[in-house]
């Protein structure tokens, strides 16, 4: 099972930006992010395939969040702009060996999570 290390969470004011990073212990096909807000179910945010050709965003983050990856470093990044209080959540890096759609059934590994808090 691939080991994932996340970083980059923190506290930011509404309208601000944060960049999350996730490094995998070895190369994987698809990498992405889920999030879980207090009292809510975990939800899909974004995912990207190995070549960067297939990228899927949740409607709630389209136009504000951008995913990228560096295969030489086995890393994926999430640039989050124009953050809103509703973006407050624990963000989990995830990987899949079979699908960039990355439904929960496709997830092979999860990171430990990093807290993102957006104040109003």
Protein backbone atom coordinates (compact mmCIF):
# COMPACT_ATOMS: atom_id res chain seq x y z
CA UNK A 1 0.00 0.00 0.00
CA UNK A 2 1.38 3.39 -0.99
CA UNK A 3 2.25 5.75 1.86
CA UNK A 4 1.06 9.34 1.48
CA UNK A 5 2.37 12.43 3.26
CA UNK A 6 0.33 15.63 3.06
CA UNK A 7 1.28 19.19 3.92
CA UNK A 8 0.13 22.74 3.39
CA UNK A 9 -3.06 23.09 5.39
CA UNK A 10 -3.72 25.99 7.70
CA UNK A 11 -5.90 28.94 8.58
CA UNK A 12 -6.74 31.56 5.97
CA UNK A 13 -9.28 34.34 5.57
CA UNK A 14 -12.07 34.08 3.05
CA UNK A 15 -10.81 35.04 -0.39
CA UNK A 16 -7.33 33.82 0.39
CA UNK A 17 -5.27 30.96 -1.02
CA UNK A 18 -3.57 27.80 0.16
CA UNK A 19 -1.54 25.12 -1.58
CA UNK A 20 -1.69 21.52 -0.46
CA UNK A 21 0.97 18.96 -1.30
CA UNK A 22 0.95 15.19 -1.17
CA UNK A 23 3.93 12.94 -1.78
CA UNK A 24 3.51 9.23 -2.43
CA UNK A 25 6.04 6.56 -1.56
CA UNK A 26 5.92 5.29 -5.15
CA UNK A 27 4.33 6.12 -8.49
CA UNK A 28 0.57 5.65 -8.82
CA UNK A 29 -1.88 6.01 -11.65
CA UNK A 30 -4.31 8.53 -10.24
CA UNK A 31 -3.96 10.96 -7.36
CA UNK A 32 -6.46 13.35 -5.90
CA UNK A 33 -8.17 14.89 -2.93
CA UNK A 34 -11.26 14.31 -0.85
CA UNK A 35 -12.45 16.47 2.04
CA UNK A 36 -14.61 16.08 5.08
CA UNK A 37 -16.25 19.02 6.81
CA UNK A 38 -17.45 18.83 10.43
CA UNK A 39 -20.68 16.86 10.64
CA UNK A 40 -20.66 16.00 6.95
CA UNK A 41 -19.72 13.00 4.85
CA UNK A 42 -16.43 12.84 3.07
CA UNK A 43 -16.73 14.20 -0.48
CA UNK A 44 -14.70 14.10 -3.66
CA UNK A 45 -12.82 17.28 -4.57
CA UNK A 46 -10.55 16.61 -7.55
CA UNK A 47 -8.41 13.93 -9.18
CA UNK A 48 -5.83 13.65 -11.95
CA UNK A 49 -4.46 10.73 -13.94
CA UNK A 50 -0.78 9.95 -14.42
CA UNK A 51 -0.42 11.84 -17.72
CA UNK A 52 -2.43 14.80 -16.49
CA UNK A 53 -4.89 14.31 -19.34
CA UNK A 54 -7.89 13.32 -17.24
CA UNK A 55 -8.79 15.80 -14.52
CA UNK A 56 -12.08 15.80 -12.65
CA UNK A 57 -13.28 18.56 -10.35
CA UNK A 58 -16.27 18.73 -8.05
CA UNK A 59 -18.63 21.47 -9.19
CA UNK A 60 -18.15 23.28 -5.89
CA UNK A 61 -14.46 23.96 -6.57
CA UNK A 62 -14.35 24.41 -10.36
CA UNK A 63 -12.66 27.66 -11.33
CA UNK A 64 -11.13 28.10 -7.88
CA UNK A 65 -9.01 25.00 -7.29
CA UNK A 66 -6.29 23.65 -9.58
CA UNK A 67 -4.66 20.23 -9.34
CA UNK A 68 -1.26 19.39 -10.74
CA UNK A 69 1.28 16.63 -10.33
CA UNK A 70 5.00 16.08 -10.60
CA UNK A 71 5.63 12.45 -11.51
CA UNK A 72 9.37 12.76 -10.91
CA UNK A 73 8.55 13.44 -7.26
CA UNK A 74 5.45 11.20 -7.02
CA UNK A 75 3.66 14.34 -5.85
CA UNK A 76 0.33 15.99 -6.38
CA UNK A 77 -0.54 19.57 -5.54
CA UNK A 78 -3.79 21.41 -4.94
CA UNK A 79 -3.79 25.16 -5.43
CA UNK A 80 -6.87 26.58 -3.71
CA UNK A 81 -7.84 30.15 -4.53
CA UNK A 82 -10.77 32.34 -3.55
CA UNK A 83 -11.35 30.17 -0.52
CA UNK A 84 -14.73 30.25 1.20
CA UNK A 85 -15.77 29.28 4.73
CA UNK A 86 -17.59 26.30 3.16
CA UNK A 87 -14.18 24.98 2.08
CA UNK A 88 -13.28 24.39 5.72
CA UNK A 89 -12.57 20.69 6.09
CA UNK A 90 -9.94 18.05 6.57
CA UNK A 91 -8.43 17.39 3.15
CA UNK A 92 -7.32 13.86 2.38
CA UNK A 93 -4.93 12.87 -0.36
CA UNK A 94 -5.94 9.66 -2.10
CA UNK A 95 -4.69 7.37 -4.83
CA UNK A 96 -6.14 4.87 -7.23
CA UNK A 97 -4.47 2.32 -9.42
CA UNK A 98 -7.41 1.96 -11.78
CA UNK A 99 -9.55 5.08 -12.21
CA UNK A 100 -9.01 8.82 -12.27
CA UNK A 101 -12.67 9.23 -11.38
CA UNK A 102 -11.61 8.07 -7.93
CA UNK A 103 -14.90 7.08 -6.43
CA UNK A 104 -14.41 5.82 -2.88
CA UNK A 105 -14.55 2.27 -4.21
CA UNK A 106 -11.55 3.04 -6.43
CA UNK A 107 -9.36 4.40 -3.62
CA UNK A 108 -6.32 2.28 -2.79
CA UNK A 109 -4.66 4.54 -0.23
CA UNK A 110 -5.53 7.52 1.96
CA UNK A 111 -3.33 10.15 3.54
CA UNK A 112 -3.65 11.16 7.17
CA UNK A 113 -5.43 14.41 6.31
CA UNK A 114 -4.57 18.07 6.65
CA UNK A 115 -6.84 20.71 8.17
CA UNK A 116 -7.94 23.69 6.11
CA UNK A 117 -9.85 26.39 7.96
CA UNK A 118 -11.30 29.42 6.18
CA UNK A 119 -12.49 32.25 8.39
CA UNK A 120 -15.20 34.68 7.33
